[in-house]
C-alpha atoms as a PDB file:
ATOM      1  CA  UNK A   1      -4.444 -13.227   8.109  1.00  0.00           C
ATOM      2  CA  UNK A   2      -6.098 -16.301   8.551  1.00  0.00           C
ATOM      3  CA  UNK A   3      -4.147 -19.598   7.330  1.00  0.00           C
ATOM      4  CA  UNK A   4      -5.824 -19.913   3.901  1.00  0.00           C
ATOM      5  CA  UNK A   5      -5.251 -15.799   3.341  1.00  0.00           C
ATOM      6  CA  UNK A   6      -1.756 -16.481   4.431  1.00  0.00           C
ATOM      7  CA  UNK A   7      -1.295 -19.138   1.861  1.00  0.00           C
ATOM      8  CA  UNK A   8      -2.910 -17.315  -0.814  1.00  0.00           C
ATOM      9  CA  UNK A   9      -0.986 -14.376  -0.538  1.00  0.00           C
ATOM     10  CA  UNK A  10       2.299 -16.357  -0.224  1.00  0.00           C
ATOM     11  CA  UNK A  11       1.599 -18.073  -3.459  1.00  0.00           C
ATOM     12  CA  UNK A  12       3.870 -17.232  -6.576  1.00  0.00           C
ATOM     13  CA  UNK A  13       0.594 -16.626  -8.882  1.00  0.00           C
ATOM     14  CA  UNK A  14      -0.300 -13.833  -6.524  1.00  0.00           C
ATOM     15  CA  UNK A  15       3.010 -12.418  -6.077  1.00  0.00           C
ATOM     16  CA  UNK A  16       3.368 -12.390  -9.835  1.00  0.00           C
ATOM     17  CA  UNK A  17      -0.280 -10.773 -10.119  1.00  0.00           C
ATOM     18  CA  UNK A  18       0.975  -7.856  -7.814  1.00  0.00           C
ATOM     19  CA  UNK A  19       4.497  -7.300  -9.655  1.00  0.00           C
ATOM     20  CA  UNK A  20       3.175  -7.359 -13.472  1.00  0.00           C
ATOM     21  CA  UNK A  21      -0.392  -6.358 -13.093  1.00  0.00           C
ATOM     22  CA  UNK A  22      -0.814  -4.238  -9.884  1.00  0.00           C
ATOM     23  CA  UNK A  23       2.263  -2.186  -9.618  1.00  0.00           C
ATOM     24  CA  UNK A  24       3.365  -1.191 -12.850  1.00  0.00           C
ATOM     25  CA  UNK A  25       0.166   0.582 -13.869  1.00  0.00           C
ATOM     26  CA  UNK A  26      -0.047   2.578 -10.513  1.00  0.00           C
ATOM     27  CA  UNK A  27       3.582   3.850 -10.946  1.00  0.00           C
ATOM     28  CA  UNK A  28       3.819   4.063 -14.596  1.00  0.00           C
ATOM     29  CA  UNK A  29       4.708   7.591 -15.773  1.00  0.00           C
ATOM     30  CA  UNK A  30       5.540   8.535 -11.959  1.00  0.00           C
ATOM     31  CA  UNK A  31       8.880   9.728 -11.213  1.00  0.00           C
ATOM     32  CA  UNK A  32      10.015   7.372  -8.294  1.00  0.00           C
ATOM     33  CA  UNK A  33      13.860   8.157  -8.473  1.00  0.00           C
ATOM     34  CA  UNK A  34      13.625  10.013  -5.109  1.00  0.00           C
ATOM     35  CA  UNK A  35      12.909   8.873  -1.534  1.00  0.00           C
ATOM     36  CA  UNK A  36       9.661   6.263  -1.757  1.00  0.00           C
ATOM     37  CA  UNK A  37       7.747   4.677   1.340  1.00  0.00           C
ATOM     38  CA  UNK A  38       5.956   1.469   0.822  1.00  0.00           C
ATOM     39  CA  UNK A  39       3.047   0.755   3.617  1.00  0.00           C
ATOM     40  CA  UNK A  40       2.159  -2.788   4.136  1.00  0.00           C
ATOM     41  CA  UNK A  41       4.336  -4.646   2.025  1.00  0.00           C
ATOM     42  CA  UNK A  42       3.248  -7.918   3.307  1.00  0.00           C
ATOM     43  CA  UNK A  43       5.028 -10.630   1.663  1.00  0.00           C
ATOM     44  CA  UNK A  44       6.905  -8.222  -0.472  1.00  0.00           C
ATOM     45  CA  UNK A  45       6.094  -8.374  -4.216  1.00  0.00           C
ATOM     46  CA  UNK A  46       5.259  -5.137  -4.772  1.00  0.00           C
ATOM     47  CA  UNK A  47       8.597  -4.105  -2.580  1.00  0.00           C
ATOM     48  CA  UNK A  48      10.627  -6.249  -5.233  1.00  0.00           C
ATOM     49  CA  UNK A  49       9.486  -4.087  -8.089  1.00  0.00           C
ATOM     50  CA  UNK A  50       9.720  -0.660  -6.362  1.00  0.00           C
ATOM     51  CA  UNK A  51      13.112  -1.693  -5.047  1.00  0.00           C
ATOM     52  CA  UNK A  52      14.499  -2.008  -8.793  1.00  0.00           C
ATOM     53  CA  UNK A  53      12.980   1.610  -9.344  1.00  0.00           C
ATOM     54  CA  UNK A  54      13.158   3.824  -6.533  1.00  0.00           C
ATOM     55  CA  UNK A  55      16.115   5.681  -5.662  1.00  0.00           C
ATOM     56  CA  UNK A  56      15.958   5.003  -1.802  1.00  0.00           C
ATOM     57  CA  UNK A  57      12.690   2.575  -0.576  1.00  0.00           C
ATOM     58  CA  UNK A  58      11.442   2.300   2.837  1.00  0.00           C
ATOM     59  CA  UNK A  59       8.812  -0.429   3.779  1.00  0.00           C
ATOM     60  CA  UNK A  60       6.524   0.322   6.782  1.00  0.00           C
ATOM     61  CA  UNK A  61       5.295  -3.135   8.023  1.00  0.00           C
ATOM     62  CA  UNK A  62       3.221  -3.396  11.192  1.00  0.00           C
ATOM     63  CA  UNK A  63       3.654  -7.319  11.385  1.00  0.00           C
ATOM     64  CA  UNK A  64       6.914  -8.310  12.731  1.00  0.00           C
ATOM     65  CA  UNK A  65       6.584 -11.839  10.951  1.00  0.00           C
ATOM     66  CA  UNK A  66       6.377 -10.262   7.907  1.00  0.00           C
ATOM     67  CA  UNK A  67       9.121  -7.955   8.542  1.00  0.00           C
ATOM     68  CA  UNK A  68      11.675 -10.152   9.492  1.00  0.00           C
ATOM     69  CA  UNK A  69      11.822 -12.301   6.211  1.00  0.00           C
ATOM     70  CA  UNK A  70      11.546  -9.187   4.002  1.00  0.00           C
ATOM     71  CA  UNK A  71      14.457  -7.604   6.024  1.00  0.00           C
ATOM     72  CA  UNK A  72      16.321 -11.094   5.352  1.00  0.00           C
ATOM     73  CA  UNK A  73      15.614 -11.060   1.578  1.00  0.00           C
ATOM     74  CA  UNK A  74      15.439  -7.491   0.506  1.00  0.00           C
ATOM     75  CA  UNK A  75      17.505  -5.636   3.384  1.00  0.00           C
ATOM     76  CA  UNK A  76      20.495  -4.851   1.248  1.00  0.00           C
ATOM     77  CA  UNK A  77      18.106  -2.795  -1.061  1.00  0.00           C
ATOM     78  CA  UNK A  78      15.275  -1.864   1.184  1.00  0.00           C
ATOM     79  CA  UNK A  79      14.919  -0.170   4.541  1.00  0.00           C
ATOM     80  CA  UNK A  80      12.433  -2.307   6.546  1.00  0.00           C
ATOM     81  CA  UNK A  81      11.020  -0.420   9.499  1.00  0.00           C
ATOM     82  CA  UNK A  82       8.062  -2.215  12.040  1.00  0.00           C
ATOM     83  CA  UNK A  83       5.483   0.314  12.661  1.00  0.00           C
ATOM     84  CA  UNK A  84       2.285   1.312  12.308  1.00  0.00           C
ATOM     85  CA  UNK A  85       0.811   3.235   9.315  1.00  0.00           C
ATOM     86  CA  UNK A  86      -1.759   5.081  11.439  1.00  0.00           C
ATOM     87  CA  UNK A  87       1.163   6.601  13.522  1.00  0.00           C
ATOM     88  CA  UNK A  88       4.314   6.569  10.957  1.00  0.00           C
ATOM     89  CA  UNK A  89       7.842   6.884  12.595  1.00  0.00           C
ATOM     90  CA  UNK A  90       8.808   9.488  10.214  1.00  0.00           C
ATOM     91  CA  UNK A  91       9.457  13.144  10.027  1.00  0.00           C
ATOM     92  CA  UNK A  92       7.113  15.625   8.269  1.00  0.00           C
ATOM     93  CA  UNK A  93       7.843  15.502   4.557  1.00  0.00           C
ATOM     94  CA  UNK A  94      10.321  12.750   4.153  1.00  0.00           C
ATOM     95  CA  UNK A  95       9.250  11.151   1.052  1.00  0.00           C
ATOM     96  CA  UNK A  96       8.738  11.992  -2.447  1.00  0.00           C
ATOM     97  CA  UNK A  97       6.028   8.944  -3.231  1.00  0.00           C
ATOM     98  CA  UNK A  98       3.936   6.558  -0.770  1.00  0.00           C
ATOM     99  CA  UNK A  99       2.510   3.549  -1.997  1.00  0.00           C
ATOM    100  CA  UNK A 100       0.562   0.695  -0.890  1.00  0.00           C
ATOM    101  CA  UNK A 101      -0.643  -2.390  -2.532  1.00  0.00           C
ATOM    102  CA  UNK A 102      -3.641  -4.240  -1.768  1.00  0.00           C
ATOM    103  CA  UNK A 103      -3.697  -3.602   2.118  1.00  0.00           C
ATOM    104  CA  UNK A 104      -5.833  -0.657   2.916  1.00  0.00           C
ATOM    105  CA  UNK A 105      -8.790  -3.132   3.613  1.00  0.00           C
ATOM    106  CA  UNK A 106      -6.626  -4.644   6.185  1.00  0.00           C
ATOM    107  CA  UNK A 107      -6.652  -1.374   8.087  1.00  0.00           C
ATOM    108  CA  UNK A 108      -9.174  -2.208  11.032  1.00  0.00           C
ATOM    109  CA  UNK A 109     -11.623   0.720  10.535  1.00  0.00           C
ATOM    110  CA  UNK A 110     -12.580   3.522   8.253  1.00  0.00           C
ATOM    111  CA  UNK A 111     -11.288   5.862  10.969  1.00  0.00           C
ATOM    112  CA  UNK A 112      -7.911   4.001  11.186  1.00  0.00           C
ATOM    113  CA  UNK A 113      -8.114   4.478   7.446  1.00  0.00           C
ATOM    114  CA  UNK A 114      -8.518   7.930   7.466  1.00  0.00           C
ATOM    115  CA  UNK A 115      -5.349   8.329  10.115  1.00  0.00           C
ATOM    116  CA  UNK A 116      -3.237   6.624   7.708  1.00  0.00           C
ATOM    117  CA  UNK A 117      -4.172   8.899   4.904  1.00  0.00           C
ATOM    118  CA  UNK A 118      -3.413  11.944   7.162  1.00  0.00           C
ATOM    119  CA  UNK A 119      -0.150  10.197   8.074  1.00  0.00           C
ATOM    120  CA  UNK A 120       0.588   9.865   4.354  1.00  0.00           C
ATOM    121  CA  UNK A 121       0.067  13.291   3.653  1.00  0.00           C
ATOM    122  CA  UNK A 122       2.259  14.334   6.719  1.00  0.00           C
ATOM    123  CA  UNK A 123       5.101  12.413   5.435  1.00  0.00           C
ATOM    124  CA  UNK A 124       4.890  13.215   1.676  1.00  0.00           C
ATOM    125  CA  UNK A 125       6.636  16.356   0.573  1.00  0.00           C
ATOM    126  CA  UNK A 126       4.590  18.950  -0.905  1.00  0.00           C
ATOM    127  CA  UNK A 127       3.914  17.967  -4.583  1.00  0.00           C
ATOM    128  CA  UNK A 128       4.655  14.182  -3.873  1.00  0.00           C
ATOM    129  CA  UNK A 129       2.376  11.405  -4.923  1.00  0.00           C
ATOM    130  CA  UNK A 130       0.274   8.723  -3.236  1.00  0.00           C
ATOM    131  CA  UNK A 131      -0.728   5.672  -5.221  1.00  0.00           C
ATOM    132  CA  UNK A 132      -1.829   2.229  -5.203  1.00  0.00           C
ATOM    133  CA  UNK A 133      -4.541  -0.474  -5.356  1.00  0.00           C
ATOM    134  CA  UNK A 134      -6.753  -2.083  -3.315  1.00  0.00           C
ATOM    135  CA  UNK A 135      -9.543  -4.795  -3.419  1.00  0.00           C
ATOM    136  CA  UNK A 136     -13.043  -3.521  -3.706  1.00  0.00           C
ATOM    137  CA  UNK A 137     -14.378  -7.016  -2.474  1.00  0.00           C
ATOM    138  CA  UNK A 138     -16.293  -8.501  -5.513  1.00  0.00           C
ATOM    139  CA  UNK A 139     -16.590 -12.140  -5.417  1.00  0.00           C
ATOM    140  CA  UNK A 140     -16.929 -15.091  -3.118  1.00  0.00           C
ATOM    141  CA  UNK A 141     -13.016 -15.858  -3.373  1.00  0.00           C
ATOM    142  CA  UNK A 142     -12.227 -12.564  -1.728  1.00  0.00           C
ATOM    143  CA  UNK A 143     -15.208 -12.841   0.882  1.00  0.00           C
ATOM    144  CA  UNK A 144     -13.836 -16.726   1.875  1.00  0.00           C
ATOM    145  CA  UNK A 145     -10.221 -15.444   2.245  1.00  0.00           C
ATOM    146  CA  UNK A 146     -11.356 -13.043   4.742  1.00  0.00           C
ATOM    147  CA  UNK A 147     -13.099 -15.272   7.069  1.00  0.00           C
ATOM    148  CA  UNK A 148     -11.695 -14.319  10.472  1.00  0.00           C
ATOM    149  CA  UNK A 149      -9.532 -11.699   9.074  1.00  0.00           C
ATOM    150  CA  UNK A 150      -9.689  -7.690   8.918  1.00  0.00           C
ATOM    151  CA  UNK A 151     -11.719  -6.309   5.934  1.00  0.00           C
ATOM    152  CA  UNK A 152     -12.796  -3.089   6.054  1.00  0.00           C
ATOM    153  CA  UNK A 153     -13.319  -2.309   2.011  1.00  0.00           C
ATOM    154  CA  UNK A 154     -12.606   1.250   0.587  1.00  0.00           C
ATOM    155  CA  UNK A 155     -15.669   2.714  -0.963  1.00  0.00           C
ATOM    156  CA  UNK A 156     -14.686   3.845  -4.773  1.00  0.00           C
ATOM    157  CA  UNK A 157     -17.230   6.597  -3.990  1.00  0.00           C
ATOM    158  CA  UNK A 158     -16.142   8.041  -0.874  1.00  0.00           C
ATOM    159  CA  UNK A 159     -12.114   7.728  -1.536  1.00  0.00           C
ATOM    160  CA  UNK A 160     -11.855  11.125  -3.298  1.00  0.00           C
ATOM    161  CA  UNK A 161     -13.678  12.962  -0.409  1.00  0.00           C
ATOM    162  CA  UNK A 162     -11.610  11.008   2.214  1.00  0.00           C
ATOM    163  CA  UNK A 163      -8.239  11.640   0.565  1.00  0.00           C
ATOM    164  CA  UNK A 164      -9.014  15.159   0.018  1.00  0.00           C
ATOM    165  CA  UNK A 165     -10.218  15.791   3.686  1.00  0.00           C
ATOM    166  CA  UNK A 166      -6.651  14.327   4.442  1.00  0.00           C
ATOM    167  CA  UNK A 167      -4.864  16.941   2.456  1.00  0.00           C
ATOM    168  CA  UNK A 168      -4.516  15.453  -0.950  1.00  0.00           C
ATOM    169  CA  UNK A 169      -5.536  17.120  -4.589  1.00  0.00           C
ATOM    170  CA  UNK A 170      -5.873  15.801  -7.726  1.00  0.00           C
ATOM    171  CA  UNK A 171      -7.277  12.408  -6.805  1.00  0.00           C
ATOM    172  CA  UNK A 172      -7.853  10.089  -9.427  1.00  0.00           C
ATOM    173  CA  UNK A 173      -9.077   6.554  -9.656  1.00  0.00           C
ATOM    174  CA  UNK A 174     -10.198   4.062 -11.653  1.00  0.00           C
ATOM    175  CA  UNK A 175     -11.754   0.388 -10.889  1.00  0.00           C
ATOM    176  CA  UNK A 176     -11.183  -2.476 -13.129  1.00  0.00           C
ATOM    177  CA  UNK A 177     -12.662  -6.113 -12.095  1.00  0.00           C
ATOM    178  CA  UNK A 178     -12.137  -6.358  -8.517  1.00  0.00           C
ATOM    179  CA  UNK A 179      -9.348  -3.621  -8.198  1.00  0.00           C
ATOM    180  CA  UNK A 180      -9.388   0.389  -7.286  1.00  0.00           C
ATOM    181  CA  UNK A 181      -6.060   1.947  -8.256  1.00  0.00           C
ATOM    182  CA  UNK A 182      -5.887   5.515  -7.268  1.00  0.00           C
ATOM    183  CA  UNK A 183      -3.313   8.457  -7.132  1.00  0.00           C
ATOM    184  CA  UNK A 184      -3.234  11.820  -5.411  1.00  0.00           C
ATOM    185  CA  UNK A 185      -1.015  14.555  -4.968  1.00  0.00           C
ATOM    186  CA  UNK A 186      -0.008  16.236  -1.854  1.00  0.00           C
END
């Protein structure tokens, strides 16, 4: 992340938005009492919410500079694993739920995003759920935050087909303001 983006995502206002407005609707009505994986926790506001509700929570973070403080802060409640979502270090069918929040546009290409979707399908147990959110990139602020950053937007029109190709069914999505919310079943 560039310095501005890093500052923005580390602000309490953004973290509150994630904790209060992004995560609850994404997991509402979903049984997360089992094994849950969060991909790309970043600074961890979604991880905080999930850690209070999941039976067992694992967070997969590619950036060691973000993983270390998460481990320090939440390590007693969450297993923080450093790794890449496109090549997950987990056995097949390890999780009941996989979640990701506002991180898919940081995956460096559509092809890499599709590999991530395939990995999510691989590590989910049959009947498991994949849920999350991402930005659809409206507004000048979003574009300014991503100058010099990876920014590969997910097309809401294409996402259902991409998830189906990865092995998901019952794909649901909704866009509201600048947010894409999705859920799918394995």
